[in-house]
């Protein structure tokens, strides 16, 4: 039992270190979810809420916090990954409407952003 717990802690620590690495920061396009997803389950099993500070991301583990910065206006938010994006999606992140509002791109529908893990 102690070995299993030690291995689990080691794996979680390694995952946290890997996702906190600064070289994992990315730049690209962000969009926000359509209202048709409101109230529907996400890939993590959470119910999608346009007013929550959440996001879909291709590879970060569910529950990972990401700092998203709008490169045009400098506004930043912290979102929690609770959904997956399609592998063919050209954007780097999909955020909730509330996150898009706080980032200042709700009107445009898309923005150039940087995304980096929050340790």
PDB file of N, CA and C in Angstrom:
ATOM      1  N   UNK A   1       0.832  -1.193   0.000  1.00  0.00           N
ATOM      2  CA  UNK A   1       0.000   0.000   0.000  1.00  0.00           C
ATOM      3  C   UNK A   1       0.876   1.256   0.000  1.00  0.00           C
ATOM      4  N   UNK A   2       1.946   1.268   0.812  1.00  0.00           N
ATOM      5  CA  UNK A   2       2.825   2.434   0.858  1.00  0.00           C
ATOM      6  C   UNK A   2       3.510   2.653  -0.489  1.00  0.00           C
ATOM      7  N   UNK A   3       3.914   1.565  -1.159  1.00  0.00           N
ATOM      8  CA  UNK A   3       4.555   1.691  -2.471  1.00  0.00           C
ATOM      9  C   UNK A   3       3.598   2.274  -3.505  1.00  0.00           C
ATOM     10  N   UNK A   4       2.350   1.836  -3.461  1.00  0.00           N
ATOM     11  CA  UNK A   4       1.355   2.351  -4.406  1.00  0.00           C
ATOM     12  C   UNK A   4       1.138   3.836  -4.187  1.00  0.00           C
ATOM     13  N   UNK A   5       1.026   4.251  -2.941  1.00  0.00           N
ATOM     14  CA  UNK A   5       0.841   5.663  -2.623  1.00  0.00           C
ATOM     15  C   UNK A   5       2.059   6.470  -3.055  1.00  0.00           C
ATOM     16  N   UNK A   6       3.245   5.960  -2.819  1.00  0.00           N
ATOM     17  CA  UNK A   6       4.474   6.656  -3.205  1.00  0.00           C
ATOM     18  C   UNK A   6       4.555   6.819  -4.721  1.00  0.00           C
ATOM     19  N   UNK A   7       4.183   5.789  -5.450  1.00  0.00           N
ATOM     20  CA  UNK A   7       4.201   5.853  -6.917  1.00  0.00           C
ATOM     21  C   UNK A   7       3.176   6.875  -7.407  1.00  0.00           C
ATOM     22  N   UNK A   8       2.001   6.891  -6.809  1.00  0.00           N
ATOM     23  CA  UNK A   8       0.959   7.850  -7.212  1.00  0.00           C
ATOM     24  C   UNK A   8       1.423   9.280  -6.962  1.00  0.00           C
ATOM     25  N   UNK A   9       2.038   9.530  -5.823  1.00  0.00           N
ATOM     26  CA  UNK A   9       2.538  10.877  -5.514  1.00  0.00           C
ATOM     27  C   UNK A   9       3.639  11.267  -6.485  1.00  0.00           C
ATOM     28  N   UNK A  10       4.527  10.338  -6.780  1.00  0.00           N
ATOM     29  CA  UNK A  10       5.608  10.616  -7.734  1.00  0.00           C
ATOM     30  C   UNK A  10       5.048  10.964  -9.110  1.00  0.00           C
ATOM     31  N   UNK A  11       4.048  10.207  -9.568  1.00  0.00           N
ATOM     32  CA  UNK A  11       3.443  10.471 -10.881  1.00  0.00           C
ATOM     33  C   UNK A  11       2.774  11.839 -10.910  1.00  0.00           C
ATOM     34  N   UNK A  12       2.039  12.178  -9.848  1.00  0.00           N
ATOM     35  CA  UNK A  12       1.387  13.491  -9.794  1.00  0.00           C
ATOM     36  C   UNK A  12       2.407  14.617  -9.755  1.00  0.00           C
ATOM     37  N   UNK A  13       3.486  14.420  -9.009  1.00  0.00           N
ATOM     38  CA  UNK A  13       4.537  15.432  -8.940  1.00  0.00           C
ATOM     39  C   UNK A  13       5.190  15.607 -10.297  1.00  0.00           C
ATOM     40  N   UNK A  14       5.495  14.521 -10.974  1.00  0.00           N
ATOM     41  CA  UNK A  14       6.114  14.596 -12.296  1.00  0.00           C
ATOM     42  C   UNK A  14       5.198  15.319 -13.272  1.00  0.00           C
ATOM     43  N   UNK A  15       3.906  14.975 -13.261  1.00  0.00           N
ATOM     44  CA  UNK A  15       2.948  15.626 -14.151  1.00  0.00           C
ATOM     45  C   UNK A  15       2.901  17.115 -13.876  1.00  0.00           C
ATOM     46  N   UNK A  16       2.896  17.517 -12.602  1.00  0.00           N
ATOM     47  CA  UNK A  16       2.867  18.937 -12.249  1.00  0.00           C
ATOM     48  C   UNK A  16       4.115  19.646 -12.734  1.00  0.00           C
ATOM     49  N   UNK A  17       5.269  19.013 -12.580  1.00  0.00           N
ATOM     50  CA  UNK A  17       6.519  19.621 -13.024  1.00  0.00           C
ATOM     51  C   UNK A  17       6.534  19.771 -14.533  1.00  0.00           C
ATOM     52  N   UNK A  18       6.110  18.733 -15.242  1.00  0.00           N
ATOM     53  CA  UNK A  18       6.092  18.794 -16.703  1.00  0.00           C
ATOM     54  C   UNK A  18       5.174  19.909 -17.171  1.00  0.00           C
ATOM     55  N   UNK A  19       3.981  20.036 -16.605  1.00  0.00           N
ATOM     56  CA  UNK A  19       3.039  21.050 -17.058  1.00  0.00           C
ATOM     57  C   UNK A  19       3.391  22.441 -16.573  1.00  0.00           C
ATOM     58  N   UNK A  20       4.293  22.563 -15.611  1.00  0.00           N
ATOM     59  CA  UNK A  20       4.707  23.878 -15.142  1.00  0.00           C
ATOM     60  C   UNK A  20       5.915  24.389 -15.914  1.00  0.00           C
ATOM     61  N   UNK A  21       6.474  23.569 -16.787  1.00  0.00           N
ATOM     62  CA  UNK A  21       7.671  23.966 -17.526  1.00  0.00           C
ATOM     63  C   UNK A  21       7.371  25.141 -18.450  1.00  0.00           C
ATOM     64  N   UNK A  22       8.184  26.198 -18.390  1.00  0.00           N
ATOM     65  CA  UNK A  22       7.911  27.385 -19.196  1.00  0.00           C
ATOM     66  C   UNK A  22       7.957  27.141 -20.695  1.00  0.00           C
ATOM     67  N   UNK A  23       8.697  26.133 -21.148  1.00  0.00           N
ATOM     68  CA  UNK A  23       8.784  25.903 -22.588  1.00  0.00           C
ATOM     69  C   UNK A  23       7.484  25.356 -23.161  1.00  0.00           C
ATOM     70  N   UNK A  24       6.520  25.054 -22.309  1.00  0.00           N
ATOM     71  CA  UNK A  24       5.247  24.572 -22.797  1.00  0.00           C
ATOM     72  C   UNK A  24       4.288  25.709 -23.125  1.00  0.00           C
ATOM     73  N   UNK A  25       4.708  26.948 -22.921  1.00  0.00           N
ATOM     74  CA  UNK A  25       3.871  28.083 -23.305  1.00  0.00           C
ATOM     75  C   UNK A  25       3.709  28.079 -24.819  1.00  0.00           C
ATOM     76  N   UNK A  26       2.501  28.405 -25.272  1.00  0.00           N
ATOM     77  CA  UNK A  26       2.196  28.404 -26.700  1.00  0.00           C
ATOM     78  C   UNK A  26       1.530  29.718 -27.078  1.00  0.00           C
ATOM     79  N   UNK A  27       1.627  30.066 -28.343  1.00  0.00           N
ATOM     80  CA  UNK A  27       0.886  31.194 -28.891  1.00  0.00           C
ATOM     81  C   UNK A  27       0.069  30.694 -30.060  1.00  0.00           C
ATOM     82  N   UNK A  28      -1.122  31.250 -30.198  1.00  0.00           N
ATOM     83  CA  UNK A  28      -1.996  30.861 -31.297  1.00  0.00           C
ATOM     84  C   UNK A  28      -3.354  31.489 -31.138  1.00  0.00           C
ATOM     85  N   UNK A  29      -4.324  30.939 -31.838  1.00  0.00           N
ATOM     86  CA  UNK A  29      -5.683  31.482 -31.823  1.00  0.00           C
ATOM     87  C   UNK A  29      -6.535  30.826 -30.745  1.00  0.00           C
ATOM     88  N   UNK A  30      -7.394  31.655 -30.159  1.00  0.00           N
ATOM     89  CA  UNK A  30      -8.384  31.180 -29.195  1.00  0.00           C
ATOM     90  C   UNK A  30      -9.761  31.575 -29.706  1.00  0.00           C
ATOM     91  N   UNK A  31     -10.731  30.757 -29.415  1.00  0.00           N
ATOM     92  CA  UNK A  31     -12.133  31.063 -29.689  1.00  0.00           C
ATOM     93  C   UNK A  31     -12.915  30.730 -28.434  1.00  0.00           C
ATOM     94  N   UNK A  32     -14.217  31.095 -28.428  1.00  0.00           N
ATOM     95  CA  UNK A  32     -15.024  30.665 -27.292  1.00  0.00           C
ATOM     96  C   UNK A  32     -16.143  29.759 -27.764  1.00  0.00           C
ATOM     97  N   UNK A  33     -16.613  28.940 -26.815  1.00  0.00           N
ATOM     98  CA  UNK A  33     -17.640  27.942 -27.083  1.00  0.00           C
ATOM     99  C   UNK A  33     -18.942  28.569 -27.575  1.00  0.00           C
ATOM    100  N   UNK A  34     -19.595  27.868 -28.468  1.00  0.00           N
ATOM    101  CA  UNK A  34     -20.938  28.235 -28.901  1.00  0.00           C
ATOM    102  C   UNK A  34     -21.915  27.965 -27.757  1.00  0.00           C
ATOM    103  N   UNK A  35     -22.999  28.714 -27.736  1.00  0.00           N
ATOM    104  CA  UNK A  35     -24.024  28.514 -26.709  1.00  0.00           C
ATOM    105  C   UNK A  35     -24.693  27.145 -26.788  1.00  0.00           C
ATOM    106  N   UNK A  36     -24.563  26.453 -27.917  1.00  0.00           N
ATOM    107  CA  UNK A  36     -25.212  25.138 -28.027  1.00  0.00           C
ATOM    108  C   UNK A  36     -24.617  24.121 -27.051  1.00  0.00           C
ATOM    109  N   UNK A  37     -23.433  24.401 -26.505  1.00  0.00           N
ATOM    110  CA  UNK A  37     -22.804  23.479 -25.559  1.00  0.00           C
ATOM    111  C   UNK A  37     -23.227  23.729 -24.111  1.00  0.00           C
ATOM    112  N   UNK A  38     -23.909  24.839 -23.855  1.00  0.00           N
ATOM    113  CA  UNK A  38     -24.335  25.168 -22.497  1.00  0.00           C
ATOM    114  C   UNK A  38     -25.150  24.025 -21.902  1.00  0.00           C
ATOM    115  N   UNK A  39     -24.748  23.580 -20.698  1.00  0.00           N
ATOM    116  CA  UNK A  39     -25.476  22.530 -19.989  1.00  0.00           C
ATOM    117  C   UNK A  39     -25.162  21.114 -20.427  1.00  0.00           C
ATOM    118  N   UNK A  40     -24.293  20.960 -21.410  1.00  0.00           N
ATOM    119  CA  UNK A  40     -23.946  19.618 -21.888  1.00  0.00           C
ATOM    120  C   UNK A  40     -22.660  19.140 -21.211  1.00  0.00           C
ATOM    121  N   UNK A  41     -22.478  17.821 -21.114  1.00  0.00           N
ATOM    122  CA  UNK A  41     -21.267  17.306 -20.465  1.00  0.00           C
ATOM    123  C   UNK A  41     -20.011  17.568 -21.303  1.00  0.00           C
ATOM    124  N   UNK A  42     -18.933  17.867 -20.615  1.00  0.00           N
ATOM    125  CA  UNK A  42     -17.625  18.013 -21.252  1.00  0.00           C
ATOM    126  C   UNK A  42     -16.927  16.652 -21.222  1.00  0.00           C
ATOM    127  N   UNK A  43     -15.757  16.579 -21.818  1.00  0.00           N
ATOM    128  CA  UNK A  43     -15.003  15.317 -21.835  1.00  0.00           C
ATOM    129  C   UNK A  43     -14.633  14.845 -20.432  1.00  0.00           C
ATOM    130  N   UNK A  44     -14.508  15.788 -19.491  1.00  0.00           N
ATOM    131  CA  UNK A  44     -14.162  15.404 -18.122  1.00  0.00           C
ATOM    132  C   UNK A  44     -15.372  14.931 -17.330  1.00  0.00           C
ATOM    133  N   UNK A  45     -16.577  15.154 -17.886  1.00  0.00           N
ATOM    134  CA  UNK A  45     -17.803  14.811 -17.175  1.00  0.00           C
ATOM    135  C   UNK A  45     -18.452  16.013 -16.518  1.00  0.00           C
ATOM    136  N   UNK A  46     -17.728  17.147 -16.433  1.00  0.00           N
ATOM    137  CA  UNK A  46     -18.324  18.374 -15.907  1.00  0.00           C
ATOM    138  C   UNK A  46     -19.417  18.846 -16.857  1.00  0.00           C
ATOM    139  N   UNK A  47     -20.391  19.543 -16.318  1.00  0.00           N
ATOM    140  CA  UNK A  47     -21.420  20.158 -17.148  1.00  0.00           C
ATOM    141  C   UNK A  47     -20.905  21.525 -17.579  1.00  0.00           C
ATOM    142  N   UNK A  48     -20.936  21.785 -18.889  1.00  0.00           N
ATOM    143  CA  UNK A  48     -20.394  23.037 -19.404  1.00  0.00           C
ATOM    144  C   UNK A  48     -21.244  24.219 -18.965  1.00  0.00           C
ATOM    145  N   UNK A  49     -20.559  25.274 -18.523  1.00  0.00           N
ATOM    146  CA  UNK A  49     -21.202  26.504 -18.065  1.00  0.00           C
ATOM    147  C   UNK A  49     -20.473  27.684 -18.688  1.00  0.00           C
ATOM    148  N   UNK A  50     -21.165  28.462 -19.508  1.00  0.00           N
ATOM    149  CA  UNK A  50     -20.548  29.619 -20.164  1.00  0.00           C
ATOM    150  C   UNK A  50     -20.011  30.636 -19.164  1.00  0.00           C
ATOM    151  N   UNK A  51     -20.519  30.632 -17.920  1.00  0.00           N
ATOM    152  CA  UNK A  51     -20.073  31.612 -16.925  1.00  0.00           C
ATOM    153  C   UNK A  51     -18.908  31.115 -16.069  1.00  0.00           C
ATOM    154  N   UNK A  52     -18.483  29.879 -16.269  1.00  0.00           N
ATOM    155  CA  UNK A  52     -17.336  29.340 -15.523  1.00  0.00           C
ATOM    156  C   UNK A  52     -16.050  29.701 -16.260  1.00  0.00           C
ATOM    157  N   UNK A  53     -14.959  29.717 -15.550  1.00  0.00           N
ATOM    158  CA  UNK A  53     -13.657  30.022 -16.153  1.00  0.00           C
ATOM    159  C   UNK A  53     -12.985  28.705 -16.536  1.00  0.00           C
ATOM    160  N   UNK A  54     -13.481  28.117 -17.639  1.00  0.00           N
ATOM    161  CA  UNK A  54     -13.001  26.811 -18.076  1.00  0.00           C
ATOM    162  C   UNK A  54     -12.564  26.856 -19.534  1.00  0.00           C
ATOM    163  N   UNK A  55     -11.913  25.763 -19.961  1.00  0.00           N
ATOM    164  CA  UNK A  55     -11.409  25.714 -21.330  1.00  0.00           C
ATOM    165  C   UNK A  55     -11.270  24.283 -21.815  1.00  0.00           C
ATOM    166  N   UNK A  56     -11.241  24.166 -23.131  1.00  0.00           N
ATOM    167  CA  UNK A  56     -10.889  22.907 -23.793  1.00  0.00           C
ATOM    168  C   UNK A  56      -9.463  23.068 -24.300  1.00  0.00           C
ATOM    169  N   UNK A  57      -8.675  22.018 -24.122  1.00  0.00           N
ATOM    170  CA  UNK A  57      -7.273  22.040 -24.522  1.00  0.00           C
ATOM    171  C   UNK A  57      -6.933  20.658 -25.030  1.00  0.00           C
ATOM    172  N   UNK A  58      -6.020  20.563 -25.974  1.00  0.00           N
ATOM    173  CA  UNK A  58      -5.736  19.265 -26.601  1.00  0.00           C
ATOM    174  C   UNK A  58      -5.058  18.265 -25.685  1.00  0.00           C
ATOM    175  N   UNK A  59      -4.128  18.732 -24.832  1.00  0.00           N
ATOM    176  CA  UNK A  59      -3.311  17.737 -24.140  1.00  0.00           C
ATOM    177  C   UNK A  59      -3.154  17.904 -22.639  1.00  0.00           C
ATOM    178  N   UNK A  60      -3.414  19.050 -22.067  1.00  0.00           N
ATOM    179  CA  UNK A  60      -3.218  19.229 -20.620  1.00  0.00           C
ATOM    180  C   UNK A  60      -4.204  18.359 -19.850  1.00  0.00           C
ATOM    181  N   UNK A  61      -3.764  17.779 -18.753  1.00  0.00           N
ATOM    182  CA  UNK A  61      -4.681  16.958 -17.954  1.00  0.00           C
ATOM    183  C   UNK A  61      -5.866  17.776 -17.441  1.00  0.00           C
ATOM    184  N   UNK A  62      -7.015  17.124 -17.291  1.00  0.00           N
ATOM    185  CA  UNK A  62      -8.177  17.795 -16.712  1.00  0.00           C
ATOM    186  C   UNK A  62      -7.790  18.346 -15.345  1.00  0.00           C
ATOM    187  N   UNK A  63      -8.266  19.544 -15.048  1.00  0.00           N
ATOM    188  CA  UNK A  63      -7.958  20.184 -13.778  1.00  0.00           C
ATOM    189  C   UNK A  63      -6.739  21.096 -13.846  1.00  0.00           C
ATOM    190  N   UNK A  64      -5.990  21.045 -14.946  1.00  0.00           N
ATOM    191  CA  UNK A  64      -4.821  21.908 -15.103  1.00  0.00           C
ATOM    192  C   UNK A  64      -5.269  23.361 -15.223  1.00  0.00           C
ATOM    193  N   UNK A  65      -4.578  24.237 -14.508  1.00  0.00           N
ATOM    194  CA  UNK A  65      -4.853  25.664 -14.620  1.00  0.00           C
ATOM    195  C   UNK A  65      -3.921  26.252 -15.668  1.00  0.00           C
ATOM    196  N   UNK A  66      -4.502  27.052 -16.553  1.00  0.00           N
ATOM    197  CA  UNK A  66      -3.734  27.696 -17.610  1.00  0.00           C
ATOM    198  C   UNK A  66      -3.959  29.197 -17.557  1.00  0.00           C
ATOM    199  N   UNK A  67      -2.883  29.939 -17.748  1.00  0.00           N
ATOM    200  CA  UNK A  67      -2.988  31.392 -17.872  1.00  0.00           C
ATOM    201  C   UNK A  67      -3.100  31.697 -19.362  1.00  0.00           C
ATOM    202  N   UNK A  68      -4.176  32.366 -19.737  1.00  0.00           N
ATOM    203  CA  UNK A  68      -4.411  32.750 -21.129  1.00  0.00           C
ATOM    204  C   UNK A  68      -4.296  34.269 -21.203  1.00  0.00           C
ATOM    205  N   UNK A  69      -3.441  34.745 -22.101  1.00  0.00           N
ATOM    206  CA  UNK A  69      -3.234  36.184 -22.255  1.00  0.00           C
ATOM    207  C   UNK A  69      -3.573  36.593 -23.676  1.00  0.00           C
ATOM    208  N   UNK A  70      -4.435  37.605 -23.798  1.00  0.00           N
ATOM    209  CA  UNK A  70      -4.762  38.178 -25.099  1.00  0.00           C
ATOM    210  C   UNK A  70      -3.569  39.034 -25.517  1.00  0.00           C
ATOM    211  N   UNK A  71      -2.906  38.669 -26.598  1.00  0.00           N
ATOM    212  CA  UNK A  71      -1.688  39.356 -27.018  1.00  0.00           C
ATOM    213  C   UNK A  71      -1.954  40.737 -27.610  1.00  0.00           C
ATOM    214  N   UNK A  72      -3.214  41.032 -27.939  1.00  0.00           N
ATOM    215  CA  UNK A  72      -3.540  42.342 -28.492  1.00  0.00           C
ATOM    216  C   UNK A  72      -3.757  43.401 -27.417  1.00  0.00           C
ATOM    217  N   UNK A  73      -4.295  42.982 -26.246  1.00  0.00           N
ATOM    218  CA  UNK A  73      -4.601  43.973 -25.208  1.00  0.00           C
ATOM    219  C   UNK A  73      -3.930  43.699 -23.866  1.00  0.00           C
ATOM    220  N   UNK A  74      -3.234  42.565 -23.741  1.00  0.00           N
ATOM    221  CA  UNK A  74      -2.513  42.247 -22.515  1.00  0.00           C
ATOM    222  C   UNK A  74      -3.363  41.693 -21.387  1.00  0.00           C
ATOM    223  N   UNK A  75      -4.671  41.548 -21.593  1.00  0.00           N
ATOM    224  CA  UNK A  75      -5.541  41.015 -20.536  1.00  0.00           C
ATOM    225  C   UNK A  75      -5.299  39.514 -20.377  1.00  0.00           C
ATOM    226  N   UNK A  76      -5.305  39.058 -19.104  1.00  0.00           N
ATOM    227  CA  UNK A  76      -5.056  37.642 -18.797  1.00  0.00           C
ATOM    228  C   UNK A  76      -6.134  37.097 -17.870  1.00  0.00           C
ATOM    229  N   UNK A  77      -6.378  35.802 -17.998  1.00  0.00           N
ATOM    230  CA  UNK A  77      -7.268  35.081 -17.087  1.00  0.00           C
ATOM    231  C   UNK A  77      -6.644  33.731 -16.786  1.00  0.00           C
ATOM    232  N   UNK A  78      -7.126  33.120 -15.718  1.00  0.00           N
ATOM    233  CA  UNK A  78      -6.771  31.733 -15.387  1.00  0.00           C
ATOM    234  C   UNK A  78      -8.008  30.889 -15.656  1.00  0.00           C
ATOM    235  N   UNK A  79      -7.825  29.835 -16.445  1.00  0.00           N
ATOM    236  CA  UNK A  79      -8.920  28.900 -16.730  1.00  0.00           C
ATOM    237  C   UNK A  79      -8.507  27.503 -16.280  1.00  0.00           C
ATOM    238  N   UNK A  80      -9.500  26.666 -16.093  1.00  0.00           N
ATOM    239  CA  UNK A  80      -9.256  25.271 -15.715  1.00  0.00           C
ATOM    240  C   UNK A  80      -9.675  24.386 -16.885  1.00  0.00           C
ATOM    241  N   UNK A  81      -8.800  23.483 -17.279  1.00  0.00           N
ATOM    242  CA  UNK A  81      -9.079  22.566 -18.385  1.00  0.00           C
ATOM    243  C   UNK A  81     -10.080  21.506 -17.919  1.00  0.00           C
ATOM    244  N   UNK A  82     -11.231  21.455 -18.603  1.00  0.00           N
ATOM    245  CA  UNK A  82     -12.208  20.412 -18.285  1.00  0.00           C
ATOM    246  C   UNK A  82     -12.798  19.785 -19.537  1.00  0.00           C
ATOM    247  N   UNK A  83     -12.188  20.079 -20.687  1.00  0.00           N
ATOM    248  CA  UNK A  83     -12.696  19.525 -21.941  1.00  0.00           C
ATOM    249  C   UNK A  83     -11.550  19.323 -22.920  1.00  0.00           C
ATOM    250  N   UNK A  84     -11.794  18.579 -23.972  1.00  0.00           N
ATOM    251  CA  UNK A  84     -10.804  18.304 -25.019  1.00  0.00           C
ATOM    252  C   UNK A  84     -11.247  18.961 -26.315  1.00  0.00           C
ATOM    253  N   UNK A  85     -10.266  19.308 -27.123  1.00  0.00           N
ATOM    254  CA  UNK A  85     -10.518  19.836 -28.451  1.00  0.00           C
ATOM    255  C   UNK A  85     -10.286  18.719 -29.460  1.00  0.00           C
ATOM    256  N   UNK A  86     -10.941  18.833 -30.589  1.00  0.00           N
ATOM    257  CA  UNK A  86     -10.700  17.875 -31.667  1.00  0.00           C
ATOM    258  C   UNK A  86      -9.254  18.023 -32.134  1.00  0.00           C
ATOM    259  N   UNK A  87      -8.625  16.932 -32.475  1.00  0.00           N
ATOM    260  CA  UNK A  87      -7.220  16.969 -32.884  1.00  0.00           C
ATOM    261  C   UNK A  87      -7.000  17.816 -34.133  1.00  0.00           C
ATOM    262  N   UNK A  88      -8.008  17.954 -34.974  1.00  0.00           N
ATOM    263  CA  UNK A  88      -7.871  18.751 -36.193  1.00  0.00           C
ATOM    264  C   UNK A  88      -8.170  20.242 -35.977  1.00  0.00           C
ATOM    265  N   UNK A  89      -8.576  20.619 -34.761  1.00  0.00           N
ATOM    266  CA  UNK A  89      -8.870  22.015 -34.453  1.00  0.00           C
ATOM    267  C   UNK A  89      -7.591  22.841 -34.578  1.00  0.00           C
ATOM    268  N   UNK A  90      -7.619  23.914 -35.329  1.00  0.00           N
ATOM    269  CA  UNK A  90      -6.420  24.732 -35.564  1.00  0.00           C
ATOM    270  C   UNK A  90      -6.151  25.724 -34.436  1.00  0.00           C
ATOM    271  N   UNK A  91      -7.140  25.936 -33.563  1.00  0.00           N
ATOM    272  CA  UNK A  91      -6.943  26.836 -32.426  1.00  0.00           C
ATOM    273  C   UNK A  91      -6.135  26.121 -31.351  1.00  0.00           C
ATOM    274  N   UNK A  92      -5.526  26.901 -30.467  1.00  0.00           N
ATOM    275  CA  UNK A  92      -4.784  26.242 -29.393  1.00  0.00           C
ATOM    276  C   UNK A  92      -5.629  26.057 -28.146  1.00  0.00           C
ATOM    277  N   UNK A  93      -6.732  26.824 -28.035  1.00  0.00           N
ATOM    278  CA  UNK A  93      -7.596  26.712 -26.863  1.00  0.00           C
ATOM    279  C   UNK A  93      -8.985  27.224 -27.200  1.00  0.00           C
ATOM    280  N   UNK A  94      -9.995  26.607 -26.574  1.00  0.00           N
ATOM    281  CA  UNK A  94     -11.369  27.087 -26.624  1.00  0.00           C
ATOM    282  C   UNK A  94     -11.734  27.464 -25.194  1.00  0.00           C
ATOM    283  N   UNK A  95     -12.246  28.666 -24.999  1.00  0.00           N
ATOM    284  CA  UNK A  95     -12.575  29.123 -23.650  1.00  0.00           C
ATOM    285  C   UNK A  95     -14.069  29.374 -23.517  1.00  0.00           C
ATOM    286  N   UNK A  96     -14.540  29.482 -22.285  1.00  0.00           N
ATOM    287  CA  UNK A  96     -15.938  29.826 -22.028  1.00  0.00           C
ATOM    288  C   UNK A  96     -16.192  31.277 -22.447  1.00  0.00           C
ATOM    289  N   UNK A  97     -17.461  31.622 -22.605  1.00  0.00           N
ATOM    290  CA  UNK A  97     -17.826  32.995 -22.975  1.00  0.00           C
ATOM    291  C   UNK A  97     -17.318  33.989 -21.921  1.00  0.00           C
ATOM    292  N   UNK A  98     -17.449  33.637 -20.637  1.00  0.00           N
ATOM    293  CA  UNK A  98     -16.980  34.545 -19.587  1.00  0.00           C
ATOM    294  C   UNK A  98     -15.481  34.821 -19.723  1.00  0.00           C
ATOM    295  N   UNK A  99     -14.692  33.791 -19.999  1.00  0.00           N
ATOM    296  CA  UNK A  99     -13.253  33.987 -20.184  1.00  0.00           C
ATOM    297  C   UNK A  99     -12.993  34.891 -21.387  1.00  0.00           C
ATOM    298  N   UNK A 100     -13.746  34.681 -22.481  1.00  0.00           N
ATOM    299  CA  UNK A 100     -13.598  35.532 -23.669  1.00  0.00           C
ATOM    300  C   UNK A 100     -13.955  36.981 -23.350  1.00  0.00           C
ATOM    301  N   UNK A 101     -14.990  37.181 -22.543  1.00  0.00           N
ATOM    302  CA  UNK A 101     -15.375  38.536 -22.145  1.00  0.00           C
ATOM    303  C   UNK A 101     -14.246  39.206 -21.361  1.00  0.00           C
ATOM    304  N   UNK A 102     -13.707  38.479 -20.387  1.00  0.00           N
ATOM    305  CA  UNK A 102     -12.645  39.051 -19.552  1.00  0.00           C
ATOM    306  C   UNK A 102     -11.355  39.266 -20.345  1.00  0.00           C
ATOM    307  N   UNK A 103     -11.153  38.459 -21.375  1.00  0.00           N
ATOM    308  CA  UNK A 103      -9.987  38.637 -22.241  1.00  0.00           C
ATOM    309  C   UNK A 103     -10.217  39.728 -23.294  1.00  0.00           C
ATOM    310  N   UNK A 104     -11.463  40.157 -23.432  1.00  0.00           N
ATOM    311  CA  UNK A 104     -11.781  41.246 -24.339  1.00  0.00           C
ATOM    312  C   UNK A 104     -11.938  40.854 -25.792  1.00  0.00           C
ATOM    313  N   UNK A 105     -12.318  39.595 -26.067  1.00  0.00           N
ATOM    314  CA  UNK A 105     -12.493  39.227 -27.467  1.00  0.00           C
ATOM    315  C   UNK A 105     -13.862  38.630 -27.791  1.00  0.00           C
ATOM    316  N   UNK A 106     -14.836  38.834 -26.928  1.00  0.00           N
ATOM    317  CA  UNK A 106     -16.163  38.287 -27.201  1.00  0.00           C
ATOM    318  C   UNK A 106     -16.742  38.850 -28.501  1.00  0.00           C
ATOM    319  N   UNK A 107     -16.594  40.134 -28.714  1.00  0.00           N
ATOM    320  CA  UNK A 107     -17.129  40.762 -29.933  1.00  0.00           C
ATOM    321  C   UNK A 107     -16.501  40.178 -31.199  1.00  0.00           C
ATOM    322  N   UNK A 108     -15.170  40.006 -31.202  1.00  0.00           N
ATOM    323  CA  UNK A 108     -14.465  39.500 -32.381  1.00  0.00           C
ATOM    324  C   UNK A 108     -14.657  37.998 -32.562  1.00  0.00           C
ATOM    325  N   UNK A 109     -14.831  37.280 -31.469  1.00  0.00           N
ATOM    326  CA  UNK A 109     -15.012  35.836 -31.532  1.00  0.00           C
ATOM    327  C   UNK A 109     -13.723  35.035 -31.519  1.00  0.00           C
ATOM    328  N   UNK A 110     -12.618  35.697 -31.783  1.00  0.00           N
ATOM    329  CA  UNK A 110     -11.326  35.021 -31.787  1.00  0.00           C
ATOM    330  C   UNK A 110     -10.241  36.015 -31.387  1.00  0.00           C
ATOM    331  N   UNK A 111      -9.137  35.497 -30.891  1.00  0.00           N
ATOM    332  CA  UNK A 111      -8.018  36.357 -30.504  1.00  0.00           C
ATOM    333  C   UNK A 111      -6.714  35.579 -30.582  1.00  0.00           C
ATOM    334  N   UNK A 112      -5.646  36.309 -30.774  1.00  0.00           N
ATOM    335  CA  UNK A 112      -4.313  35.712 -30.701  1.00  0.00           C
ATOM    336  C   UNK A 112      -3.920  35.746 -29.232  1.00  0.00           C
ATOM    337  N   UNK A 113      -3.574  34.587 -28.684  1.00  0.00           N
ATOM    338  CA  UNK A 113      -3.283  34.463 -27.255  1.00  0.00           C
ATOM    339  C   UNK A 113      -2.007  33.694 -27.000  1.00  0.00           C
ATOM    340  N   UNK A 114      -1.524  33.847 -25.790  1.00  0.00           N
ATOM    341  CA  UNK A 114      -0.486  32.928 -25.295  1.00  0.00           C
ATOM    342  C   UNK A 114      -1.135  32.116 -24.192  1.00  0.00           C
ATOM    343  N   UNK A 115      -0.726  30.866 -24.098  1.00  0.00           N
ATOM    344  CA  UNK A 115      -1.251  29.948 -23.085  1.00  0.00           C
ATOM    345  C   UNK A 115      -0.062  29.337 -22.364  1.00  0.00           C
ATOM    346  N   UNK A 116      -0.090  29.427 -21.039  1.00  0.00           N
ATOM    347  CA  UNK A 116       0.991  28.837 -20.259  1.00  0.00           C
ATOM    348  C   UNK A 116       0.432  28.188 -19.000  1.00  0.00           C
ATOM    349  N   UNK A 117       1.033  27.091 -18.585  1.00  0.00           N
ATOM    350  CA  UNK A 117       0.563  26.415 -17.373  1.00  0.00           C
ATOM    351  C   UNK A 117       0.828  27.254 -16.143  1.00  0.00           C
ATOM    352  N   UNK A 118      -0.065  27.139 -15.167  1.00  0.00           N
ATOM    353  CA  UNK A 118       0.096  27.820 -13.880  1.00  0.00           C
ATOM    354  C   UNK A 118       0.620  26.777 -12.904  1.00  0.00           C
ATOM    355  N   UNK A 119       1.780  27.035 -12.284  1.00  0.00           N
ATOM    356  CA  UNK A 119       2.338  26.032 -11.358  1.00  0.00           C
ATOM    357  C   UNK A 119       1.463  25.837 -10.130  1.00  0.00           C
TER     358      UNK A 119
END
